[in-house]
Amino acid sequence: MKLAATVLQIVATCLIGLMAGFFFAFSVDVAPAMRELDAHGYITTQQAINRAVRNLPFALVYFGAAVTPFVAALALYVAGRRRNAALWLGVALVYAAGVFLLTREVNVPINNALALWNPQLPPVEWQRARDDWNAANLMRCLVACACFAVAAALPKRSAPKA
């Protein structure tokens, strides 16, 4: 079980890091570029991004980053590493609330509404929806980066017994 716990911690750290990088790149590159677009350009581009992001590799990383920290915490608990289990449970809970739930409650509803927009006839409040989506994405970025930093700093295996 100790080996499984170590592997799960490494996998969870990598998955959280990948998501942190994804949110970071969107926040500092894509979102600022899209702020320069008019309504038609923004809606068309965001609709294309939302279609493209629905793929198996992204799904595995996105859902894996949300689930694997919990599994790592459980494996650590079973392996008798209670302190590390508690720390991983903390990472898992913060990530779940600050990334997974935020996505479900803010970003996904905006994406769903945006999917129905006609780029030729944008809603009056399209810029507000864009800005709300970007603010939530920045929060996801900050939470994921913090979770990655903590996860990366946690020891991944037990100290050898003397």
Protein backbone atom coordinates (compact mmCIF):
# COMPACT_ATOMS: atom_id res chain seq x y z
CA MET A 1 0.00 0.00 0.00
CA LYS A 2 2.94 2.35 0.61
CA LEU A 3 4.00 2.08 -3.04
CA ALA A 4 0.43 2.71 -4.19
CA ALA A 5 0.23 5.76 -1.92
CA THR A 6 3.47 7.12 -3.36
CA VAL A 7 2.35 6.56 -6.95
CA LEU A 8 -1.05 8.15 -6.27
CA GLN A 9 0.59 11.22 -4.73
CA ILE A 10 2.83 11.64 -7.75
CA VAL A 11 -0.05 11.17 -10.18
CA ALA A 12 -2.27 13.59 -8.22
CA THR A 13 0.50 16.20 -8.12
CA CYS A 14 1.05 15.90 -11.87
CA LEU A 15 -2.65 16.13 -12.69
CA ILE A 16 -3.16 19.16 -10.47
CA GLY A 17 -0.08 20.74 -12.06
CA LEU A 18 -1.43 20.15 -15.54
CA MET A 19 -4.72 21.80 -14.62
CA ALA A 20 -2.93 24.71 -12.96
CA GLY A 21 -0.96 25.21 -16.17
CA PHE A 22 -4.11 24.98 -18.29
CA PHE A 23 -5.92 27.61 -16.20
CA PHE A 24 -2.77 29.77 -16.07
CA ALA A 25 -2.28 29.74 -19.84
CA PHE A 26 -5.90 30.66 -20.43
CA SER A 27 -5.75 33.45 -17.82
CA VAL A 28 -2.56 35.11 -19.05
CA ASP A 29 -2.67 34.44 -22.80
CA VAL A 30 -6.06 33.45 -24.17
CA ALA A 31 -8.35 35.63 -22.04
CA PRO A 32 -6.42 38.88 -22.67
CA ALA A 33 -6.32 38.16 -26.41
CA MET A 34 -10.04 37.44 -26.45
CA ARG A 35 -10.79 40.73 -24.65
CA GLU A 36 -9.64 42.43 -27.86
CA LEU A 37 -12.31 40.67 -29.92
CA ASP A 38 -15.69 42.09 -30.78
CA ALA A 39 -18.82 40.18 -29.79
CA HIS A 40 -18.89 38.07 -32.97
CA GLY A 41 -15.23 37.13 -32.70
CA TYR A 42 -15.46 36.38 -28.99
CA ILE A 43 -18.59 34.24 -29.22
CA THR A 44 -17.35 32.29 -32.24
CA THR A 45 -13.94 31.66 -30.64
CA GLN A 46 -15.28 30.72 -27.20
CA GLN A 47 -17.83 28.36 -28.74
CA ALA A 48 -15.02 26.66 -30.68
CA ILE A 49 -12.87 26.40 -27.54
CA ASN A 50 -15.75 24.91 -25.57
CA ARG A 51 -16.31 22.27 -28.26
CA ALA A 52 -12.60 21.48 -28.58
CA VAL A 53 -12.01 21.09 -24.83
CA ARG A 54 -14.51 18.21 -24.66
CA ASN A 55 -12.04 15.46 -25.38
CA LEU A 56 -10.78 12.36 -23.61
CA PRO A 57 -7.28 13.60 -22.66
CA PHE A 58 -8.70 16.76 -21.08
CA ALA A 59 -11.46 14.82 -19.32
CA LEU A 60 -8.95 12.37 -17.84
CA VAL A 61 -6.77 15.18 -16.51
CA TYR A 62 -9.66 17.38 -15.34
CA PHE A 63 -11.56 14.65 -13.50
CA GLY A 64 -8.36 12.89 -12.45
CA ALA A 65 -7.11 16.05 -10.75
CA ALA A 66 -10.37 16.24 -8.80
CA VAL A 67 -10.49 12.56 -7.75
CA THR A 68 -6.89 11.37 -7.41
CA PRO A 69 -6.00 13.56 -4.39
CA PHE A 70 -8.86 11.93 -2.45
CA VAL A 71 -7.64 8.47 -3.46
CA ALA A 72 -4.09 9.41 -2.47
CA ALA A 73 -5.36 10.58 0.94
CA LEU A 74 -7.19 7.29 1.42
CA ALA A 75 -4.15 5.24 0.39
CA LEU A 76 -1.96 7.21 2.80
CA TYR A 77 -4.46 6.68 5.60
CA VAL A 78 -4.57 2.93 4.96
CA ALA A 79 -0.76 2.87 4.83
CA GLY A 80 -0.68 4.41 8.32
CA ARG A 81 0.59 7.82 7.23
CA ARG A 82 -2.19 9.75 8.96
CA ARG A 83 -0.52 13.19 8.89
CA ASN A 84 0.15 13.04 5.16
CA ALA A 85 -3.33 11.63 4.60
CA ALA A 86 -4.79 14.66 6.38
CA LEU A 87 -2.67 17.04 4.32
CA TRP A 88 -3.72 15.36 1.07
CA LEU A 89 -7.34 15.43 2.18
CA GLY A 90 -6.92 19.19 2.67
CA VAL A 91 -5.47 19.57 -0.83
CA ALA A 92 -8.32 17.47 -2.22
CA LEU A 93 -11.02 19.50 -0.48
CA VAL A 94 -9.55 22.88 -1.44
CA TYR A 95 -9.13 21.75 -5.05
CA ALA A 96 -12.64 20.28 -5.19
CA ALA A 97 -14.21 23.48 -3.86
CA GLY A 98 -12.00 26.02 -5.60
CA VAL A 99 -11.75 24.34 -8.98
CA PHE A 100 -14.28 21.57 -9.49
CA LEU A 101 -17.29 23.21 -7.81
CA LEU A 102 -16.42 26.67 -9.10
CA THR A 103 -16.28 25.26 -12.63
CA ARG A 104 -19.65 23.56 -12.18
CA GLU A 105 -21.34 26.58 -10.60
CA VAL A 106 -19.89 29.44 -12.69
CA ASN A 107 -17.97 28.44 -15.80
CA VAL A 108 -20.19 25.60 -17.04
CA PRO A 109 -23.46 27.58 -16.83
CA ILE A 110 -21.86 30.44 -18.75
CA ASN A 111 -20.50 27.96 -21.30
CA ASN A 112 -23.94 26.40 -21.67
CA ALA A 113 -25.58 29.79 -22.24
CA LEU A 114 -22.82 30.86 -24.64
CA ALA A 115 -23.31 27.70 -26.70
CA LEU A 116 -26.79 29.00 -27.60
CA TRP A 117 -25.73 32.52 -28.51
CA ASN A 118 -25.90 33.66 -32.11
CA PRO A 119 -22.62 35.46 -32.90
CA GLN A 120 -24.55 37.72 -35.30
CA LEU A 121 -26.97 38.78 -32.53
CA PRO A 122 -25.01 38.79 -29.26
CA PRO A 123 -26.84 39.30 -25.99
CA VAL A 124 -26.51 42.75 -24.49
CA GLU A 125 -24.59 41.43 -21.47
CA TRP A 126 -22.05 39.30 -23.42
CA GLN A 127 -19.09 41.26 -22.00
CA ARG A 128 -20.29 40.74 -18.44
CA ALA A 129 -20.58 36.99 -19.02
CA ARG A 130 -17.06 37.00 -20.52
CA ASP A 131 -15.66 38.91 -17.55
CA ASP A 132 -17.45 36.69 -15.00
CA TRP A 133 -16.11 33.58 -16.75
CA ASN A 134 -12.58 35.02 -16.79
CA ALA A 135 -12.74 36.01 -13.10
CA ALA A 136 -13.83 32.48 -12.16
CA ASN A 137 -11.07 31.04 -14.34
CA LEU A 138 -8.48 33.22 -12.61
CA MET A 139 -9.75 31.94 -9.25
CA ARG A 140 -9.45 28.35 -10.52
CA CYS A 141 -5.91 29.16 -11.62
CA LEU A 142 -4.92 30.56 -8.22
CA VAL A 143 -6.47 27.64 -6.32
CA ALA A 144 -4.95 25.02 -8.63
CA CYS A 145 -1.52 26.67 -8.43
CA ALA A 146 -1.70 26.78 -4.62
CA CYS A 147 -2.81 23.14 -4.48
CA PHE A 148 0.00 22.16 -6.82
CA ALA A 149 2.58 24.01 -4.70
CA VAL A 150 1.40 22.27 -1.53
CA ALA A 151 1.15 18.87 -3.22
CA ALA A 152 4.63 19.24 -4.72
CA ALA A 153 6.06 20.14 -1.31
CA LEU A 154 4.56 17.15 0.51
CA PRO A 155 6.83 14.16 1.05
CA LYS A 156 5.95 11.33 -1.33
CA ARG A 157 7.29 8.39 0.65
CA SER A 158 8.01 7.36 4.20
CA ALA A 159 11.40 8.03 5.69
CA PRO A 160 13.48 4.85 5.87
CA LYS A 161 13.39 3.14 9.25
CA ALA A 162 16.66 3.18 11.15
